[in-house]
PDB file of N, CA and C in Angstrom:
ATOM      1  N   MET A   1      -6.782   4.412  11.123  1.00  0.00           N
ATOM      2  CA  MET A   1      -6.583   3.091  10.566  1.00  0.00           C
ATOM      3  C   MET A   1      -5.974   3.225   9.174  1.00  0.00           C
ATOM      4  N   ASP A   2      -4.920   2.482   8.918  1.00  0.00           N
ATOM      5  CA  ASP A   2      -4.241   2.502   7.627  1.00  0.00           C
ATOM      6  C   ASP A   2      -5.007   1.623   6.649  1.00  0.00           C
ATOM      7  N   THR A   3      -5.476   2.231   5.560  1.00  0.00           N
ATOM      8  CA  THR A   3      -6.245   1.484   4.567  1.00  0.00           C
ATOM      9  C   THR A   3      -5.447   1.223   3.303  1.00  0.00           C
ATOM     10  N   THR A   4      -4.134   1.442   3.342  1.00  0.00           N
ATOM     11  CA  THR A   4      -3.322   1.206   2.156  1.00  0.00           C
ATOM     12  C   THR A   4      -2.853  -0.233   2.126  1.00  0.00           C
ATOM     13  N   VAL A   5      -2.620  -0.709   0.919  1.00  0.00           N
ATOM     14  CA  VAL A   5      -2.058  -2.049   0.710  1.00  0.00           C
ATOM     15  C   VAL A   5      -0.954  -1.930  -0.322  1.00  0.00           C
ATOM     16  N   ASP A   6       0.022  -2.798  -0.231  1.00  0.00           N
ATOM     17  CA  ASP A   6       1.107  -2.807  -1.208  1.00  0.00           C
ATOM     18  C   ASP A   6       0.658  -3.550  -2.460  1.00  0.00           C
ATOM     19  N   VAL A   7       1.018  -2.991  -3.632  1.00  0.00           N
ATOM     20  CA  VAL A   7       0.765  -3.634  -4.915  1.00  0.00           C
ATOM     21  C   VAL A   7       2.049  -3.592  -5.729  1.00  0.00           C
ATOM     22  N   THR A   8       2.142  -4.456  -6.684  1.00  0.00           N
ATOM     23  CA  THR A   8       3.312  -4.480  -7.553  1.00  0.00           C
ATOM     24  C   THR A   8       2.915  -3.959  -8.917  1.00  0.00           C
ATOM     25  N   ILE A   9       3.633  -2.940  -9.383  1.00  0.00           N
ATOM     26  CA  ILE A   9       3.393  -2.406 -10.722  1.00  0.00           C
ATOM     27  C   ILE A   9       4.734  -2.272 -11.429  1.00  0.00           C
ATOM     28  N   PRO A  10       4.747  -2.501 -12.730  1.00  0.00           N
ATOM     29  CA  PRO A  10       6.018  -2.376 -13.461  1.00  0.00           C
ATOM     30  C   PRO A  10       6.396  -0.909 -13.666  1.00  0.00           C
ATOM     31  N   VAL A  11       7.650  -0.589 -13.378  1.00  0.00           N
ATOM     32  CA  VAL A  11       8.205   0.743 -13.628  1.00  0.00           C
ATOM     33  C   VAL A  11       9.605   0.565 -14.195  1.00  0.00           C
ATOM     34  N   GLU A  12      10.138   1.613 -14.761  1.00  0.00           N
ATOM     35  CA  GLU A  12      11.496   1.567 -15.296  1.00  0.00           C
ATOM     36  C   GLU A  12      12.500   1.399 -14.159  1.00  0.00           C
ATOM     37  N   ALA A  13      13.649   0.811 -14.474  1.00  0.00           N
ATOM     38  CA  ALA A  13      14.630   0.452 -13.451  1.00  0.00           C
ATOM     39  C   ALA A  13      15.091   1.637 -12.610  1.00  0.00           C
ATOM     40  N   ASP A  14      15.347   2.779 -13.238  1.00  0.00           N
ATOM     41  CA  ASP A  14      15.819   3.930 -12.469  1.00  0.00           C
ATOM     42  C   ASP A  14      14.739   4.447 -11.526  1.00  0.00           C
ATOM     43  N   VAL A  15      13.494   4.330 -11.923  1.00  0.00           N
ATOM     44  CA  VAL A  15      12.386   4.735 -11.060  1.00  0.00           C
ATOM     45  C   VAL A  15      12.282   3.778  -9.879  1.00  0.00           C
ATOM     46  N   ALA A  16      12.410   2.492 -10.168  1.00  0.00           N
ATOM     47  CA  ALA A  16      12.350   1.496  -9.096  1.00  0.00           C
ATOM     48  C   ALA A  16      13.443   1.744  -8.067  1.00  0.00           C
ATOM     49  N   ALA A  17      14.636   2.071  -8.543  1.00  0.00           N
ATOM     50  CA  ALA A  17      15.749   2.335  -7.624  1.00  0.00           C
ATOM     51  C   ALA A  17      15.453   3.550  -6.750  1.00  0.00           C
ATOM     52  N   ALA A  18      14.832   4.576  -7.330  1.00  0.00           N
ATOM     53  CA  ALA A  18      14.515   5.786  -6.567  1.00  0.00           C
ATOM     54  C   ALA A  18      13.448   5.511  -5.518  1.00  0.00           C
ATOM     55  N   LEU A  19      12.512   4.618  -5.821  1.00  0.00           N
ATOM     56  CA  LEU A  19      11.420   4.331  -4.896  1.00  0.00           C
ATOM     57  C   LEU A  19      11.808   3.320  -3.824  1.00  0.00           C
ATOM     58  N   THR A  20      12.724   2.428  -4.147  1.00  0.00           N
ATOM     59  CA  THR A  20      13.072   1.346  -3.231  1.00  0.00           C
ATOM     60  C   THR A  20      13.566   1.844  -1.884  1.00  0.00           C
ATOM     61  N   GLY A  21      14.396   2.873  -1.897  1.00  0.00           N
ATOM     62  CA  GLY A  21      14.990   3.327  -0.650  1.00  0.00           C
ATOM     63  C   GLY A  21      14.286   4.498   0.008  1.00  0.00           C
ATOM     64  N   ASP A  22      13.151   4.916  -0.504  1.00  0.00           N
ATOM     65  CA  ASP A  22      12.520   6.131   0.003  1.00  0.00           C
ATOM     66  C   ASP A  22      11.038   5.894   0.291  1.00  0.00           C
ATOM     67  N   ALA A  23      10.731   5.543   1.533  1.00  0.00           N
ATOM     68  CA  ALA A  23       9.351   5.235   1.920  1.00  0.00           C
ATOM     69  C   ALA A  23       8.429   6.433   1.738  1.00  0.00           C
ATOM     70  N   GLU A  24       8.922   7.627   1.997  1.00  0.00           N
ATOM     71  CA  GLU A  24       8.094   8.828   1.838  1.00  0.00           C
ATOM     72  C   GLU A  24       7.732   9.045   0.370  1.00  0.00           C
ATOM     73  N   GLN A  25       8.703   8.830  -0.502  1.00  0.00           N
ATOM     74  CA  GLN A  25       8.456   8.968  -1.946  1.00  0.00           C
ATOM     75  C   GLN A  25       7.444   7.911  -2.410  1.00  0.00           C
ATOM     76  N   ARG A  26       7.586   6.673  -1.942  1.00  0.00           N
ATOM     77  CA  ARG A  26       6.623   5.615  -2.308  1.00  0.00           C
ATOM     78  C   ARG A  26       5.222   5.988  -1.865  1.00  0.00           C
ATOM     79  N   ALA A  27       5.097   6.522  -0.654  1.00  0.00           N
ATOM     80  CA  ALA A  27       3.788   6.916  -0.138  1.00  0.00           C
ATOM     81  C   ALA A  27       3.192   8.039  -0.988  1.00  0.00           C
ATOM     82  N   SER A  28       4.025   8.987  -1.395  1.00  0.00           N
ATOM     83  CA  SER A  28       3.569  10.091  -2.232  1.00  0.00           C
ATOM     84  C   SER A  28       3.081   9.580  -3.585  1.00  0.00           C
ATOM     85  N   VAL A  29       3.844   8.703  -4.197  1.00  0.00           N
ATOM     86  CA  VAL A  29       3.441   8.116  -5.479  1.00  0.00           C
ATOM     87  C   VAL A  29       2.153   7.319  -5.307  1.00  0.00           C
ATOM     88  N   GLY A  30       2.044   6.603  -4.219  1.00  0.00           N
ATOM     89  CA  GLY A  30       0.827   5.841  -3.953  1.00  0.00           C
ATOM     90  C   GLY A  30      -0.403   6.727  -3.857  1.00  0.00           C
ATOM     91  N   ARG A  31      -0.255   7.885  -3.221  1.00  0.00           N
ATOM     92  CA  ARG A  31      -1.385   8.817  -3.124  1.00  0.00           C
ATOM     93  C   ARG A  31      -1.796   9.334  -4.496  1.00  0.00           C
ATOM     94  N   VAL A  32      -0.804   9.634  -5.336  1.00  0.00           N
ATOM     95  CA  VAL A  32      -1.110  10.109  -6.690  1.00  0.00           C
ATOM     96  C   VAL A  32      -1.843   9.030  -7.476  1.00  0.00           C
ATOM     97  N   VAL A  33      -1.352   7.804  -7.412  1.00  0.00           N
ATOM     98  CA  VAL A  33      -2.002   6.696  -8.126  1.00  0.00           C
ATOM     99  C   VAL A  33      -3.422   6.508  -7.609  1.00  0.00           C
ATOM    100  N   SER A  34      -3.601   6.555  -6.310  1.00  0.00           N
ATOM    101  CA  SER A  34      -4.945   6.409  -5.740  1.00  0.00           C
ATOM    102  C   SER A  34      -5.885   7.485  -6.258  1.00  0.00           C
ATOM    103  N   ARG A  35      -5.404   8.725  -6.308  1.00  0.00           N
ATOM    104  CA  ARG A  35      -6.242   9.829  -6.794  1.00  0.00           C
ATOM    105  C   ARG A  35      -6.612   9.646  -8.259  1.00  0.00           C
ATOM    106  N   ILE A  36      -5.632   9.233  -9.052  1.00  0.00           N
ATOM    107  CA  ILE A  36      -5.890   9.024 -10.481  1.00  0.00           C
ATOM    108  C   ILE A  36      -6.946   7.942 -10.669  1.00  0.00           C
ATOM    109  N   LEU A  37      -6.776   6.842  -9.981  1.00  0.00           N
ATOM    110  CA  LEU A  37      -7.696   5.731 -10.170  1.00  0.00           C
ATOM    111  C   LEU A  37      -9.068   5.996  -9.577  1.00  0.00           C
ATOM    112  N   ARG A  38      -9.163   6.890  -8.623  1.00  0.00           N
ATOM    113  CA  ARG A  38     -10.457   7.297  -8.077  1.00  0.00           C
ATOM    114  C   ARG A  38     -11.130   8.337  -8.959  1.00  0.00           C
ATOM    115  N   GLY A  39     -10.392   8.886  -9.904  1.00  0.00           N
ATOM    116  CA  GLY A  39     -10.947   9.886 -10.794  1.00  0.00           C
ATOM    117  C   GLY A  39     -11.013  11.269 -10.180  1.00  0.00           C
ATOM    118  N   ARG A  40     -10.210  11.532  -9.164  1.00  0.00           N
ATOM    119  CA  ARG A  40     -10.226  12.862  -8.548  1.00  0.00           C
ATOM    120  C   ARG A  40      -9.686  13.892  -9.507  1.00  0.00           C
ATOM    121  N   ARG A  41     -10.237  15.063  -9.485  1.00  0.00           N
ATOM    122  CA  ARG A  41      -9.874  16.135 -10.403  1.00  0.00           C
ATOM    123  C   ARG A  41      -8.579  16.860 -10.042  1.00  0.00           C
ATOM    124  N   ASP A  42      -8.082  16.709  -8.813  1.00  0.00           N
ATOM    125  CA  ASP A  42      -6.904  17.505  -8.456  1.00  0.00           C
ATOM    126  C   ASP A  42      -5.688  17.141  -9.291  1.00  0.00           C
ATOM    127  N   VAL A  43      -5.522  15.879  -9.624  1.00  0.00           N
ATOM    128  CA  VAL A  43      -4.399  15.481 -10.476  1.00  0.00           C
ATOM    129  C   VAL A  43      -4.618  16.023 -11.883  1.00  0.00           C
ATOM    130  N   ASP A  44      -5.858  15.914 -12.387  1.00  0.00           N
ATOM    131  CA  ASP A  44      -6.175  16.457 -13.705  1.00  0.00           C
ATOM    132  C   ASP A  44      -5.991  17.976 -13.724  1.00  0.00           C
ATOM    133  N   ALA A  45      -6.364  18.634 -12.654  1.00  0.00           N
ATOM    134  CA  ALA A  45      -6.221  20.080 -12.577  1.00  0.00           C
ATOM    135  C   ALA A  45      -4.752  20.475 -12.668  1.00  0.00           C
ATOM    136  N   LEU A  46      -3.871  19.729 -12.013  1.00  0.00           N
ATOM    137  CA  LEU A  46      -2.442  20.017 -12.091  1.00  0.00           C
ATOM    138  C   LEU A  46      -1.942  19.819 -13.516  1.00  0.00           C
ATOM    139  N   SER A  47      -2.333  18.721 -14.140  1.00  0.00           N
ATOM    140  CA  SER A  47      -1.933  18.466 -15.528  1.00  0.00           C
ATOM    141  C   SER A  47      -2.438  19.564 -16.446  1.00  0.00           C
ATOM    142  N   ASP A  48      -3.679  19.990 -16.245  1.00  0.00           N
ATOM    143  CA  ASP A  48      -4.241  21.070 -17.057  1.00  0.00           C
ATOM    144  C   ASP A  48      -3.468  22.369 -16.857  1.00  0.00           C
ATOM    145  N   ALA A  49      -3.115  22.677 -15.626  1.00  0.00           N
ATOM    146  CA  ALA A  49      -2.372  23.903 -15.339  1.00  0.00           C
ATOM    147  C   ALA A  49      -0.998  23.874 -16.006  1.00  0.00           C
ATOM    148  N   ILE A  50      -0.331  22.742 -15.937  1.00  0.00           N
ATOM    149  CA  ILE A  50       0.988  22.611 -16.575  1.00  0.00           C
ATOM    150  C   ILE A  50       0.854  22.771 -18.083  1.00  0.00           C
ATOM    151  N   ALA A  51      -0.176  22.153 -18.667  1.00  0.00           N
ATOM    152  CA  ALA A  51      -0.394  22.263 -20.112  1.00  0.00           C
ATOM    153  C   ALA A  51      -0.644  23.717 -20.513  1.00  0.00           C
ATOM    154  N   ARG A  52      -1.428  24.445 -19.717  1.00  0.00           N
ATOM    155  CA  ARG A  52      -1.696  25.853 -20.022  1.00  0.00           C
ATOM    156  C   ARG A  52      -0.419  26.686 -19.929  1.00  0.00           C
ATOM    157  N   LEU A  53       0.390  26.431 -18.898  1.00  0.00           N
ATOM    158  CA  LEU A  53       1.648  27.173 -18.759  1.00  0.00           C
ATOM    159  C   LEU A  53       2.587  26.884 -19.929  1.00  0.00           C
ATOM    160  N   LYS A  54       2.642  25.627 -20.328  1.00  0.00           N
ATOM    161  CA  LYS A  54       3.516  25.248 -21.435  1.00  0.00           C
ATOM    162  C   LYS A  54       3.018  25.881 -22.740  1.00  0.00           C
ATOM    163  N   ALA A  55       1.709  25.916 -22.940  1.00  0.00           N
ATOM    164  CA  ALA A  55       1.153  26.548 -24.139  1.00  0.00           C
ATOM    165  C   ALA A  55       1.505  28.035 -24.156  1.00  0.00           C
ATOM    166  N   GLY A  56       1.441  28.673 -23.011  1.00  0.00           N
ATOM    167  CA  GLY A  56       1.820  30.080 -22.919  1.00  0.00           C
ATOM    168  C   GLY A  56       3.289  30.287 -23.249  1.00  0.00           C
ATOM    169  N   ALA A  57       4.125  29.387 -22.764  1.00  0.00           N
ATOM    170  CA  ALA A  57       5.555  29.475 -23.061  1.00  0.00           C
ATOM    171  C   ALA A  57       5.799  29.299 -24.554  1.00  0.00           C
ATOM    172  N   HIS A  58       5.092  28.349 -25.160  1.00  0.00           N
ATOM    173  CA  HIS A  58       5.223  28.152 -26.611  1.00  0.00           C
ATOM    174  C   HIS A  58       4.772  29.399 -27.367  1.00  0.00           C
ATOM    175  N   ALA A  59       3.676  29.991 -26.920  1.00  0.00           N
ATOM    176  CA  ALA A  59       3.172  31.208 -27.568  1.00  0.00           C
ATOM    177  C   ALA A  59       4.188  32.343 -27.458  1.00  0.00           C
ATOM    178  N   ALA A  60       4.995  32.328 -26.407  1.00  0.00           N
ATOM    179  CA  ALA A  60       6.018  33.359 -26.216  1.00  0.00           C
ATOM    180  C   ALA A  60       7.299  33.038 -26.978  1.00  0.00           C
ATOM    181  N   GLY A  61       7.285  31.923 -27.719  1.00  0.00           N
ATOM    182  CA  GLY A  61       8.438  31.587 -28.547  1.00  0.00           C
ATOM    183  C   GLY A  61       9.390  30.563 -27.968  1.00  0.00           C
ATOM    184  N   LEU A  62       9.079  30.012 -26.802  1.00  0.00           N
ATOM    185  CA  LEU A  62       9.959  29.007 -26.216  1.00  0.00           C
ATOM    186  C   LEU A  62       9.682  27.635 -26.815  1.00  0.00           C
ATOM    187  N   THR A  63      10.741  26.851 -27.001  1.00  0.00           N
ATOM    188  CA  THR A  63      10.598  25.476 -27.487  1.00  0.00           C
ATOM    189  C   THR A  63      10.579  24.526 -26.293  1.00  0.00           C
ATOM    190  N   ASP A  64      10.194  23.283 -26.532  1.00  0.00           N
ATOM    191  CA  ASP A  64      10.230  22.281 -25.455  1.00  0.00           C
ATOM    192  C   ASP A  64      11.642  22.138 -24.901  1.00  0.00           C
ATOM    193  N   GLU A  65      12.640  22.204 -25.785  1.00  0.00           N
ATOM    194  CA  GLU A  65      14.030  22.081 -25.342  1.00  0.00           C
ATOM    195  C   GLU A  65      14.417  23.231 -24.417  1.00  0.00           C
ATOM    196  N   MET A  66      13.983  24.429 -24.755  1.00  0.00           N
ATOM    197  CA  MET A  66      14.280  25.595 -23.916  1.00  0.00           C
ATOM    198  C   MET A  66      13.611  25.462 -22.549  1.00  0.00           C
ATOM    199  N   ILE A  67      12.375  24.995 -22.547  1.00  0.00           N
ATOM    200  CA  ILE A  67      11.646  24.801 -21.297  1.00  0.00           C
ATOM    201  C   ILE A  67      12.352  23.749 -20.450  1.00  0.00           C
ATOM    202  N   ASP A  68      12.747  22.636 -21.074  1.00  0.00           N
ATOM    203  CA  ASP A  68      13.441  21.570 -20.345  1.00  0.00           C
ATOM    204  C   ASP A  68      14.763  22.063 -19.766  1.00  0.00           C
ATOM    205  N   GLU A  69      15.506  22.861 -20.535  1.00  0.00           N
ATOM    206  CA  GLU A  69      16.772  23.412 -20.052  1.00  0.00           C
ATOM    207  C   GLU A  69      16.546  24.329 -18.852  1.00  0.00           C
ATOM    208  N   GLU A  70      15.536  25.160 -18.934  1.00  0.00           N
ATOM    209  CA  GLU A  70      15.237  26.080 -17.839  1.00  0.00           C
ATOM    210  C   GLU A  70      14.841  25.312 -16.574  1.00  0.00           C
ATOM    211  N   LEU A  71      14.001  24.282 -16.742  1.00  0.00           N
ATOM    212  CA  LEU A  71      13.604  23.469 -15.590  1.00  0.00           C
ATOM    213  C   LEU A  71      14.796  22.744 -14.984  1.00  0.00           C
ATOM    214  N   ALA A  72      15.690  22.232 -15.841  1.00  0.00           N
ATOM    215  CA  ALA A  72      16.889  21.551 -15.347  1.00  0.00           C
ATOM    216  C   ALA A  72      17.770  22.521 -14.559  1.00  0.00           C
ATOM    217  N   ALA A  73      17.939  23.744 -15.059  1.00  0.00           N
ATOM    218  CA  ALA A  73      18.746  24.743 -14.355  1.00  0.00           C
ATOM    219  C   ALA A  73      18.107  25.096 -13.015  1.00  0.00           C
ATOM    220  N   TYR A  74      16.793  25.264 -13.010  1.00  0.00           N
ATOM    221  CA  TYR A  74      16.075  25.579 -11.770  1.00  0.00           C
ATOM    222  C   TYR A  74      16.257  24.451 -10.749  1.00  0.00           C
ATOM    223  N   ASN A  75      16.077  23.215 -11.197  1.00  0.00           N
ATOM    224  CA  ASN A  75      16.232  22.076 -10.288  1.00  0.00           C
ATOM    225  C   ASN A  75      17.657  21.960  -9.766  1.00  0.00           C
ATOM    226  N   ALA A  76      18.657  22.241 -10.613  1.00  0.00           N
ATOM    227  CA  ALA A  76      20.050  22.191 -10.183  1.00  0.00           C
ATOM    228  C   ALA A  76      20.321  23.244  -9.109  1.00  0.00           C
ATOM    229  N   GLU A  77      19.760  24.429  -9.289  1.00  0.00           N
ATOM    230  CA  GLU A  77      19.937  25.500  -8.286  1.00  0.00           C
ATOM    231  C   GLU A  77      19.321  25.105  -6.958  1.00  0.00           C
ATOM    232  N   ARG A  78      18.179  24.457  -6.986  1.00  0.00           N
ATOM    233  CA  ARG A  78      17.490  24.054  -5.751  1.00  0.00           C
ATOM    234  C   ARG A  78      18.262  22.980  -5.005  1.00  0.00           C
ATOM    235  N   ARG A  79      19.024  22.162  -5.723  1.00  0.00           N
ATOM    236  CA  ARG A  79      19.786  21.086  -5.084  1.00  0.00           C
ATOM    237  C   ARG A  79      21.035  21.585  -4.394  1.00  0.00           C
ATOM    238  N   ASP A  80      21.533  22.740  -4.822  1.00  0.00           N
ATOM    239  CA  ASP A  80      22.787  23.285  -4.234  1.00  0.00           C
ATOM    240  C   ASP A  80      22.566  23.882  -2.883  1.00  0.00           C
TER     241      ASP A  80
END
């Protein structure tokens, strides 16, 4: 039985455009929102892990800009 319901929440225009045409993406975002609002730790655990990795990168001398550039390059490679 499907227990989900549609709700309206404000998001930035580019985000709305990305979600409008992609039902799978909307469902994924909905699951994340549900977990956050239920207080589940898995979303917090992911945020904590990312924060720890970023702190390690900073300790190794990387700046936020360097990290962002590396992530952008990685994402570009995955799209090709």
